[in-house]
Protein backbone atom coordinates (compact mmCIF):
# COMPACT_ATOMS: atom_id res chain seq x y z
CA MET A 1 -0.03 -0.02 0.03
CA SER A 2 1.45 3.31 -0.96
CA VAL A 3 1.89 6.14 1.50
CA PRO A 4 0.49 9.54 0.57
CA VAL A 5 3.08 12.22 -0.12
CA GLU A 6 1.49 14.54 2.33
CA ALA A 7 2.08 11.96 5.17
CA THR A 8 5.86 11.93 4.67
CA VAL A 9 5.96 15.68 5.43
CA LYS A 10 6.10 16.63 9.08
CA PRO A 11 3.32 19.42 9.73
CA GLY A 12 4.80 22.61 10.73
CA ALA A 13 8.48 21.66 10.15
CA ALA A 14 10.41 24.81 10.61
CA ARG A 15 13.30 25.99 8.33
CA SER A 16 16.67 26.54 9.66
CA PRO A 17 17.17 30.14 10.80
CA LEU A 18 19.71 30.94 8.02
CA ARG A 19 17.24 29.85 5.49
CA GLU A 20 14.42 31.83 7.14
CA PHE A 21 16.77 34.88 7.16
CA VAL A 22 17.60 34.48 3.53
CA ALA A 23 13.84 33.99 2.58
CA SER A 24 12.86 37.13 4.59
CA TYR A 25 15.48 39.22 3.04
CA ALA A 26 14.77 37.94 -0.41
CA ARG A 27 11.15 39.29 -0.32
CA SER A 28 12.33 42.80 -1.30
CA ARG A 29 13.65 42.76 -4.89
CA ILE A 30 15.17 46.20 -4.41
CA ALA A 31 17.09 44.91 -1.34
CA VAL A 32 18.37 41.92 -3.33
CA ALA A 33 19.45 44.18 -6.09
CA ALA A 34 21.18 46.40 -3.84
CA LEU A 35 22.91 43.39 -2.15
CA ILE A 36 24.22 42.43 -5.65
CA VAL A 37 25.35 45.88 -6.46
CA LEU A 38 27.14 46.24 -3.19
CA LEU A 39 28.84 42.85 -3.65
CA LEU A 40 30.01 43.79 -7.01
CA ILE A 41 31.41 47.27 -5.59
CA LEU A 42 33.27 45.24 -2.92
CA ALA A 43 34.61 42.90 -5.51
CA VAL A 44 35.73 45.82 -7.65
CA ALA A 45 37.48 47.45 -4.70
CA VAL A 46 39.29 44.42 -3.48
CA GLY A 47 40.41 43.37 -6.90
CA ALA A 48 41.28 47.01 -8.26
CA PRO A 49 44.90 46.18 -8.81
CA LEU A 50 43.94 43.11 -10.97
CA ILE A 51 41.09 44.52 -13.17
CA SER A 52 42.04 48.28 -13.35
CA PRO A 53 43.28 49.13 -16.91
CA GLN A 54 46.08 51.35 -15.32
CA ASN A 55 47.58 52.08 -11.90
CA PRO A 56 46.43 55.75 -11.80
CA TYR A 57 49.05 56.56 -9.30
CA ASP A 58 52.02 54.91 -10.87
CA LEU A 59 53.80 57.82 -12.62
CA LYS A 60 55.50 55.33 -14.98
CA GLN A 61 52.07 54.56 -16.45
CA LEU A 62 50.88 58.18 -16.77
CA ASP A 63 51.12 60.38 -20.02
CA ILE A 64 50.42 64.14 -19.74
CA MET A 65 49.45 64.16 -23.31
CA ASP A 66 46.41 62.01 -22.52
CA SER A 67 45.05 64.46 -19.84
CA LYS A 68 41.39 65.56 -19.95
CA LEU A 69 40.38 63.26 -22.79
CA ALA A 70 36.53 62.57 -23.13
CA PRO A 71 35.06 59.21 -22.38
CA GLY A 72 35.73 56.74 -25.21
CA SER A 73 38.79 58.61 -26.40
CA LYS A 74 41.97 56.55 -27.47
CA SER A 75 45.07 57.00 -25.37
CA GLY A 76 48.63 57.33 -26.88
CA ALA A 77 49.18 53.62 -25.90
CA GLY A 78 46.27 52.72 -28.15
CA TRP A 79 43.82 51.68 -25.50
CA ILE A 80 40.41 53.35 -24.79
CA TYR A 81 39.66 55.58 -21.94
CA LEU A 82 36.08 54.41 -21.22
CA LEU A 83 35.23 57.17 -18.79
CA GLY A 84 37.90 59.66 -19.81
CA SER A 85 40.93 61.06 -18.12
CA ASP A 86 41.62 63.63 -15.64
CA ASP A 87 44.14 66.63 -15.76
CA GLN A 88 47.01 64.46 -15.13
CA GLY A 89 46.27 61.77 -17.65
CA ARG A 90 44.97 59.22 -15.28
CA ASP A 91 42.15 56.67 -16.38
CA MET A 92 39.02 57.71 -14.56
CA LEU A 93 37.74 53.94 -14.50
CA SER A 94 40.94 52.90 -12.73
CA ALA A 95 40.94 56.10 -10.51
CA ILE A 96 37.28 55.12 -9.46
CA PHE A 97 38.36 51.55 -8.57
CA TYR A 98 41.28 52.61 -6.51
CA GLY A 99 39.12 55.44 -4.89
CA LEU A 100 36.54 52.67 -3.85
CA ARG A 101 39.31 50.70 -2.04
CA ILE A 102 40.13 53.83 0.15
CA SER A 103 36.48 55.00 0.73
CA LEU A 104 35.20 51.53 1.63
CA GLY A 105 38.27 50.67 3.85
CA VAL A 106 37.97 53.90 5.80
CA GLY A 107 34.27 53.63 6.16
CA VAL A 108 34.42 49.99 7.37
CA LEU A 109 37.51 50.26 9.58
CA SER A 110 36.15 53.39 11.37
CA THR A 111 32.70 51.97 12.01
CA VAL A 112 34.12 48.78 13.31
CA ALA A 113 36.53 50.69 15.81
CA ALA A 114 33.67 53.02 16.84
CA LEU A 115 31.26 50.03 17.29
CA ALA A 116 33.86 48.37 19.60
CA ILE A 117 34.41 51.43 21.58
CA GLY A 118 30.73 52.03 21.90
CA ILE A 119 29.74 48.66 22.88
CA VAL A 120 32.33 48.78 25.83
CA VAL A 121 31.31 52.21 26.90
CA GLY A 122 27.66 51.58 26.54
CA LEU A 123 27.82 48.25 28.64
CA ILE A 124 29.74 49.95 31.39
CA SER A 125 27.45 52.94 31.61
CA ALA A 126 24.22 50.60 31.60
CA TYR A 127 25.62 47.97 34.04
CA LYS A 128 27.38 50.25 36.57
CA GLY A 129 24.80 52.92 36.56
CA GLY A 130 24.95 55.72 39.33
CA TRP A 131 27.50 58.37 39.02
CA THR A 132 29.41 56.33 36.24
CA ASP A 133 26.23 56.19 34.00
CA ALA A 134 25.68 59.89 34.64
CA VAL A 135 29.26 61.03 33.73
CA ILE A 136 29.47 58.92 30.61
CA MET A 137 26.18 60.00 29.36
CA ARG A 138 26.96 63.80 29.94
CA ILE A 139 30.01 63.26 27.84
CA VAL A 140 27.94 61.50 25.20
CA ASP A 141 25.25 64.17 25.19
CA LEU A 142 28.03 66.91 24.88
CA GLN A 143 29.49 65.16 21.81
CA LEU A 144 26.25 64.61 20.18
CA SER A 145 25.19 68.17 20.57
CA PHE A 146 27.76 69.14 18.07
CA PRO A 147 27.57 68.26 14.38
CA ALA A 148 29.83 65.45 13.45
CA ILE A 149 31.50 67.17 10.51
CA LEU A 150 32.32 70.19 12.75
CA ILE A 151 34.33 67.78 15.17
CA ALA A 152 35.89 66.07 12.26
CA LEU A 153 36.93 69.30 10.69
CA ILE A 154 38.50 70.64 13.98
CA LEU A 155 40.45 67.44 14.35
CA LEU A 156 41.73 67.20 11.07
CA ALA A 157 42.64 70.92 11.07
CA VAL A 158 44.85 70.17 14.17
CA THR A 159 46.32 66.91 13.13
CA GLY A 160 46.54 67.28 9.24
CA GLN A 161 45.87 64.86 6.41
CA GLY A 162 46.39 61.25 6.24
CA VAL A 163 44.29 57.95 6.13
CA ASP A 164 45.23 57.16 9.94
CA LYS A 165 44.12 60.69 10.98
CA ILE A 166 40.80 60.68 9.21
CA VAL A 167 40.12 57.19 10.54
CA ILE A 168 40.63 58.47 14.08
CA ALA A 169 38.52 61.51 13.34
CA LEU A 170 35.56 59.38 12.10
CA ILE A 171 35.97 57.00 15.27
CA THR A 172 35.69 60.14 17.36
CA VAL A 173 32.45 61.32 15.91
CA GLN A 174 30.86 57.90 15.83
CA TRP A 175 31.48 56.04 19.03
CA ALA A 176 28.98 58.21 21.19
CA TYR A 177 26.21 57.12 18.91
CA TYR A 178 26.87 53.65 19.55
CA ALA A 179 27.43 54.11 23.15
CA ARG A 180 23.90 55.49 23.48
CA THR A 181 22.34 52.77 21.60
CA VAL A 182 24.05 50.19 23.52
CA ARG A 183 23.15 51.69 26.75
CA GLY A 184 19.47 51.89 25.96
CA ALA A 185 19.30 48.18 24.87
CA ALA A 186 21.36 46.98 27.89
CA LEU A 187 19.19 48.72 30.45
CA VAL A 188 16.25 46.81 29.10
CA GLU A 189 18.09 43.59 29.33
CA LYS A 190 19.49 44.33 32.82
CA ARG A 191 16.06 44.32 34.13
CA LYS A 192 15.15 40.98 32.80
CA GLU A 193 14.78 37.80 34.93
CA TYR A 194 17.48 36.05 33.49
CA VAL A 195 20.08 38.61 34.73
CA ASP A 196 18.50 38.24 38.38
CA ALA A 197 18.86 34.50 37.96
CA ALA A 198 22.57 34.91 37.02
CA LEU A 199 23.20 37.15 39.98
CA CYS A 200 21.59 34.59 42.32
CA LEU A 201 24.05 32.03 40.92
CA GLY A 202 26.84 34.15 41.91
CA TYR A 203 28.07 34.94 38.31
CA SER A 204 30.68 37.70 37.95
CA ALA A 205 29.61 40.99 36.54
CA VAL A 206 31.98 40.63 33.64
CA ARG A 207 30.44 37.21 32.90
CA ILE A 208 26.84 38.50 33.00
CA VAL A 209 27.76 41.44 30.83
CA LEU A 210 29.62 39.49 28.09
CA ARG A 211 27.69 36.17 28.02
CA HIS A 212 24.13 37.34 28.95
CA ILE A 213 23.60 40.96 28.19
CA MET A 214 26.02 41.75 25.18
CA PRO A 215 24.60 38.92 22.81
CA ASN A 216 21.21 40.25 23.28
CA VAL A 217 22.16 43.93 22.29
CA LEU A 218 24.24 43.07 19.33
CA PRO A 219 21.46 42.39 16.57
CA PRO A 220 20.33 45.83 16.46
CA LEU A 221 23.69 47.21 16.35
CA ILE A 222 24.42 45.30 13.12
CA VAL A 223 21.81 47.25 11.36
CA VAL A 224 23.02 50.51 12.75
CA ALA A 225 26.63 49.64 11.98
CA THR A 226 25.60 48.91 8.36
CA VAL A 227 23.84 52.48 7.99
CA GLN A 228 26.65 53.99 9.80
CA VAL A 229 29.27 52.77 7.13
CA ALA A 230 27.41 54.79 4.50
CA HIS A 231 27.46 57.92 6.85
CA ALA A 232 31.27 57.43 7.30
CA ILE A 233 31.93 57.11 3.62
CA ALA A 234 29.65 60.33 2.96
CA LEU A 235 31.46 62.15 5.55
CA GLU A 236 34.90 61.15 4.44
CA ALA A 237 34.08 62.27 1.11
CA THR A 238 32.83 65.42 2.26
CA LEU A 239 36.07 66.12 4.30
CA SER A 240 38.24 65.07 1.29
CA PHE A 241 36.27 67.48 -0.93
CA LEU A 242 36.95 70.24 1.33
CA GLY A 243 40.72 69.40 1.17
CA LEU A 244 41.01 68.20 4.83
CA GLY A 245 40.69 64.33 4.22
CA MET A 246 42.78 62.31 2.11
CA PRO A 247 46.14 63.19 0.74
CA ILE A 248 46.59 63.28 -3.09
CA THR A 249 48.54 59.94 -2.75
CA SER A 250 45.67 58.04 -1.27
CA PRO A 251 42.73 59.12 -3.36
CA SER A 252 39.25 58.52 -2.18
CA LEU A 253 36.00 59.13 -4.27
CA GLY A 254 35.54 62.55 -2.49
CA LEU A 255 39.06 63.59 -3.52
CA LEU A 256 38.41 62.48 -6.96
CA ILE A 257 35.35 64.63 -7.11
CA SER A 258 37.14 67.58 -5.68
CA ASN A 259 39.97 67.30 -8.30
CA GLY A 260 37.50 67.48 -11.04
CA PHE A 261 35.34 70.31 -9.49
CA THR A 262 37.42 72.99 -11.01
CA HIS A 263 37.01 71.67 -14.51
CA LEU A 264 33.25 71.70 -14.62
CA LEU A 265 32.86 75.04 -15.99
CA SER A 266 35.20 74.28 -18.74
CA GLY A 267 32.98 71.36 -19.81
CA LYS A 268 35.17 68.39 -18.55
CA TYR A 269 32.32 67.06 -16.54
CA TRP A 270 33.40 63.37 -16.46
CA ILE A 271 36.30 64.13 -13.96
CA SER A 272 33.90 64.74 -11.14
CA PHE A 273 30.72 63.16 -12.56
CA PHE A 274 31.57 59.50 -12.65
CA PRO A 275 33.29 59.54 -9.25
CA GLY A 276 30.11 61.22 -7.95
CA ILE A 277 28.03 58.53 -9.50
CA ALA A 278 30.08 55.73 -8.03
CA LEU A 279 29.73 57.54 -4.56
CA LEU A 280 26.04 57.88 -4.88
CA VAL A 281 25.45 54.12 -5.90
CA THR A 282 27.61 52.85 -3.16
CA ILE A 283 25.90 55.01 -0.41
CA VAL A 284 22.41 54.18 -1.59
CA ALA A 285 23.29 50.31 -1.89
CA ILE A 286 24.56 50.24 1.54
CA ASN A 287 21.53 52.15 2.91
CA LEU A 288 19.04 49.82 1.15
CA VAL A 289 20.76 46.81 2.52
CA GLY A 290 20.78 48.20 5.94
CA ASP A 291 17.09 49.10 5.55
CA GLN A 292 16.27 45.40 4.76
CA LEU A 293 18.34 44.03 7.63
CA ARG A 294 16.44 46.11 9.96
CA ASP A 295 13.04 44.94 8.68
CA VAL A 296 14.28 41.25 8.81
CA LEU A 297 15.76 41.56 12.25
CA ASN A 298 12.88 43.46 13.76
CA PRO A 299 9.72 43.20 11.68
CA ARG A 300 7.89 45.36 14.06
CA LEU A 301 9.94 48.44 12.78
CA LYS A 302 8.80 47.75 9.14
């Protein structure tokens, strides 16, 4: 006697958490497209030295006679400048690939470091309470009362240009936001029964914070950090455009836009236009991915 197909399927069988997460994320076609675009951008940034037609910052590969060529023009060596060249004869496509490496690297590095500092400070503030919490929160309030770009401008004006200096400036303007977010989530977890049970069992404060409270405050931080990467990239681009960010030897997308800004009135639009499009697409893709992660991890916010 044959067994019906329906009988072989367990009713209410649950999918694995990973498959459920992927299925929830894939419900938005826009978010899936943004993720694909973001992965392509990351692949281009990582593989820039391998796929770029030219190393735009190797003087041996540059020819001043090829400067300011329009998109589609042929170089003196016989290959095509798909996106044109800048005033120093650098291939704009290659410059964008290399600029993506700097922009993404600075954005991710500063966000991860600021997140780590914010988690530590926020957890200490929430768990200790009392005057410790009051002092930390007043410092956080003081920093958040000033525009982030103003603090970064002051720091860079004092320390000067450089990748390390702008990373430090971005960490300084971001950590307070994470600290406040972590403190709010940790205060909620601190009042729950499992923390009281851990205290009754004699667990140390460090163990309670690291093994019980922190894992429960991390999921929302993933979403916040994803969006903050885009904010850090935009802030770095703004600072570089103003001439206080990256040095000319470490070009980011903001610096590429700045380099071509003076040539806009003469009709050489491509020197600023294409790096600007690359920056816009990168920031929008990161924000769309972050928004979908927020909806998946916390559907009540949708």
